[in-house]
Protein backbone atom coordinates (compact mmCIF):
# COMPACT_ATOMS: atom_id res chain seq x y z
CA LEU A 1 9.88 -7.89 -12.05
CA TYR A 2 10.06 -5.78 -8.85
CA ARG A 3 13.50 -4.30 -9.62
CA ALA A 4 12.62 -3.60 -13.24
CA SER A 5 9.37 -1.84 -12.38
CA PHE A 6 10.20 0.52 -9.52
CA ASP A 7 12.96 3.09 -9.41
CA ARG A 8 12.06 6.20 -7.44
CA THR A 9 10.01 4.37 -4.81
CA ARG A 10 11.85 1.06 -4.48
CA ILE A 11 13.13 0.27 -1.03
CA PRO A 12 16.52 -1.46 -0.88
CA ASP A 13 16.62 -5.17 -1.71
CA GLU A 14 18.13 -6.00 1.70
CA ARG A 15 15.18 -4.32 3.39
CA VAL A 16 12.70 -6.30 1.25
CA ARG A 17 14.52 -9.54 2.10
CA GLY A 18 14.43 -8.69 5.80
CA LEU A 19 10.70 -7.91 5.70
CA LEU A 20 10.02 -11.19 3.89
CA GLU A 21 12.18 -13.20 6.31
CA SER A 22 10.54 -11.60 9.35
CA GLY A 23 7.08 -12.46 8.05
CA THR A 24 6.03 -8.79 7.85
CA TYR A 25 5.93 -8.90 4.06
CA ARG A 26 3.99 -11.53 2.20
CA LEU A 27 4.70 -12.13 -1.46
CA ALA A 28 1.55 -12.68 -3.49
CA LEU A 29 1.93 -14.02 -6.99
CA ASP A 30 -0.67 -14.12 -9.72
CA GLY A 31 -0.59 -17.92 -9.35
CA ALA A 32 -3.07 -17.36 -6.54
CA VAL A 33 -5.59 -16.10 -9.08
CA THR A 34 -4.49 -17.65 -12.40
CA PRO A 35 -4.03 -21.24 -13.56
CA ALA A 36 -0.90 -23.08 -12.44
CA GLY A 37 1.85 -23.15 -15.03
CA ALA A 38 0.82 -19.81 -16.55
CA GLY A 39 4.14 -18.22 -15.53
CA LEU A 40 4.67 -15.15 -13.40
CA ARG A 41 2.37 -12.48 -14.71
CA ALA A 42 2.05 -10.27 -11.63
CA MET A 43 3.35 -9.93 -8.09
CA ALA A 44 2.57 -7.96 -4.96
CA LEU A 45 4.34 -7.32 -1.68
CA VAL A 46 1.90 -6.89 1.19
CA ALA A 47 2.85 -5.87 4.73
CA ARG A 48 0.62 -6.95 7.58
CA PHE A 49 0.10 -4.92 10.74
CA PRO A 50 -2.02 -7.23 12.91
CA ASP A 51 -1.75 -5.04 16.02
CA GLU A 52 -3.04 -2.06 14.05
CA LYS A 53 -5.63 -4.22 12.18
CA PHE A 54 -4.61 -3.26 8.65
CA ALA A 55 -2.44 -4.47 5.80
CA HIS A 56 -0.51 -2.42 3.28
CA LEU A 57 -0.12 -3.17 -0.42
CA ASP A 58 3.41 -1.88 -0.78
CA TYR A 59 4.24 -2.93 -4.34
CA MET A 60 2.21 -4.50 -7.12
CA VAL A 61 3.24 -4.95 -10.72
CA THR A 62 2.05 -6.81 -13.78
CA ALA A 63 4.56 -8.04 -16.37
CA PRO A 64 4.48 -5.62 -19.34
CA ALA A 65 3.32 -8.29 -21.81
CA GLU A 66 0.43 -9.21 -19.49
CA ARG A 67 -1.08 -5.76 -18.88
CA ARG A 68 -4.70 -4.91 -19.68
CA GLN A 69 -5.84 -8.50 -19.16
CA ARG A 70 -7.48 -7.94 -15.73
CA ILE A 71 -4.69 -9.79 -13.93
CA ALA A 72 -3.98 -6.85 -11.61
CA THR A 73 -7.69 -6.41 -10.94
CA GLU A 74 -8.00 -10.06 -9.94
CA LEU A 75 -4.89 -9.82 -7.77
CA VAL A 76 -6.31 -6.76 -5.98
CA ARG A 77 -9.60 -8.62 -5.34
CA PHE A 78 -7.68 -11.61 -4.00
CA LEU A 79 -5.65 -9.38 -1.65
CA VAL A 80 -8.72 -7.51 -0.37
CA ASP A 81 -10.49 -10.81 0.32
CA GLU A 82 -7.41 -12.21 2.05
CA VAL A 83 -7.03 -9.14 4.29
CA ARG A 84 -10.75 -9.22 5.16
CA ALA A 85 -10.52 -12.94 6.03
CA ALA A 86 -7.59 -12.14 8.34
CA GLY A 87 -9.90 -9.87 10.37
CA MET A 88 -8.30 -6.57 9.37
CA ASP A 89 -10.35 -3.51 8.56
CA ALA A 90 -8.30 -1.89 5.78
CA LEU A 91 -5.83 -2.49 2.99
CA THR A 92 -3.83 0.69 2.40
CA LEU A 93 -1.38 1.72 -0.32
CA GLU A 94 0.87 4.64 -1.23
CA THR A 95 0.50 5.79 -4.82
CA GLU A 96 1.14 8.53 -7.30
CA GLU A 97 -1.63 10.09 -9.38
CA PRO A 98 -1.77 7.84 -12.45
CA MET A 99 -2.17 4.68 -10.36
CA SER A 100 -4.65 6.29 -7.96
CA ARG A 101 -7.20 6.13 -10.79
CA PHE A 102 -6.52 2.39 -11.26
CA TYR A 103 -6.98 1.62 -7.56
CA GLY A 104 -9.93 3.99 -7.26
CA ALA A 105 -11.75 2.17 -10.05
CA ARG A 106 -11.33 -1.00 -7.99
CA GLY A 107 -12.75 0.45 -4.78
CA ALA A 108 -9.84 2.15 -3.02
CA ARG A 109 -10.44 5.64 -1.67
CA LYS A 110 -8.00 8.50 -1.10
CA LEU A 111 -7.38 9.57 2.46
CA ALA A 112 -8.33 13.17 1.64
CA GLY A 113 -6.35 15.82 3.46
CA LEU A 114 -3.60 13.43 4.57
CA PRO A 115 -0.36 15.29 3.75
CA TYR A 116 1.67 12.13 3.04
CA MET A 117 5.31 12.11 1.98
CA PHE A 118 7.00 8.92 0.79
CA PRO A 119 10.49 8.85 2.36
CA SER A 120 12.54 7.83 -0.70
CA PRO A 121 16.14 7.07 0.31
CA GLN A 122 17.35 7.96 -3.19
CA HIS A 123 15.25 11.05 -3.94
CA GLY A 124 14.16 12.49 -0.61
CA PRO A 125 10.54 12.97 0.50
CA MET A 126 8.04 12.64 -2.35
CA PRO A 127 4.37 13.63 -2.12
CA MET A 128 2.04 10.66 -2.56
CA HIS A 129 -1.54 9.69 -1.95
CA VAL A 130 -2.44 7.16 0.68
CA MET A 131 -5.46 5.15 -0.35
CA ALA A 132 -7.45 2.50 1.45
CA PHE A 133 -9.85 -0.29 0.72
CA ALA A 134 -12.05 0.18 3.79
CA LEU A 135 -13.22 -3.35 4.51
CA ASP A 136 -15.75 -2.37 7.14
CA GLY A 137 -17.49 0.27 5.01
CA GLN A 138 -16.12 3.28 6.88
CA THR A 139 -16.02 6.59 5.03
CA GLU A 140 -13.68 8.47 7.35
CA LEU A 141 -10.88 7.90 9.82
CA LEU A 142 -10.26 9.80 13.02
CA ARG A 143 -6.92 11.59 13.27
CA ALA A 144 -5.57 9.03 15.75
CA ARG A 145 -6.29 6.10 13.40
CA ALA A 146 -4.71 7.82 10.38
CA ALA A 147 -1.65 8.71 12.50
CA GLN A 148 -1.41 5.10 13.73
CA MET A 149 -1.31 3.84 10.14
CA VAL A 150 1.28 6.38 9.00
CA ARG A 151 3.50 5.65 12.02
CA ALA A 152 3.33 1.91 11.27
CA LEU A 153 4.33 2.47 7.64
CA TYR A 154 7.27 4.67 8.60
CA ARG A 155 8.42 2.41 11.43
CA VAL A 156 8.11 -0.99 9.78
CA ILE A 157 8.38 -0.54 6.02
CA HIS A 158 10.60 2.52 5.84
CA ALA A 159 12.62 1.72 9.02
CA ARG A 160 12.26 5.27 10.29
CA GLY A 161 11.65 5.80 13.98
CA GLU A 162 10.45 8.82 15.86
CA PRO A 163 11.42 11.55 16.04
CA ASP A 164 11.69 11.92 12.27
CA PRO A 165 11.26 15.37 10.70
CA VAL A 166 9.27 14.12 7.68
CA LEU A 167 7.00 11.92 9.80
CA ASP A 168 6.56 14.69 12.38
CA SER A 169 5.53 17.10 9.62
CA ILE A 170 2.89 14.65 8.37
CA LEU A 171 1.53 13.91 11.85
CA GLU A 172 1.23 17.62 12.72
CA ARG A 173 -0.91 18.29 9.64
CA ILE A 174 -3.37 15.37 9.77
CA PRO A 175 -6.89 16.80 10.15
CA GLU A 176 -9.20 15.64 12.96
CA ARG A 177 -11.21 13.60 10.47
CA VAL A 178 -9.74 12.12 7.29
CA THR A 179 -12.38 11.45 4.64
CA LEU A 180 -12.05 8.35 2.46
CA GLU A 181 -12.82 10.04 -0.83
CA PRO A 182 -13.73 8.22 -4.08
CA THR A 183 -11.29 8.77 -6.95
CA ALA A 184 -12.45 9.54 -10.46
CA SER A 185 -11.43 6.76 -12.83
């Protein structure tokens, strides 16, 4: 399901395996929110950053035959509740425009003004939105907090250390305050 659903933004399979084996990634299946025996209808890969007090929804997909049945909505709710119960204050995600409306309708907010670039190994840097479910009700992040999150994503998920020209470019342009802006659905 993962391989069939992501092309331009998929990280290499070996990297996914390594993140799962290290415990950084957690695989969430729709079985957590649907009856047992229903078959795989959706999956998500979530990275946890306990030191930085946030988690990151890296990939989520619903099987094509199962779309528009609220499965993804229920999986998002489950993930938000799980991250909150773990004592973290945000669940972030990187997304392109069409999916930002989906996540926005479920409570995620765009980190407005954050000049984020997804470091695709196959296609080079790609502009994306970073969104967050702010679990503590915050409506803005200070520059240092936004930079901390971006650094963690680049370091852990994308295996890119500093200095990195793409990361440096993002960090230089983060405003002093990043507003968590609602997205029109």
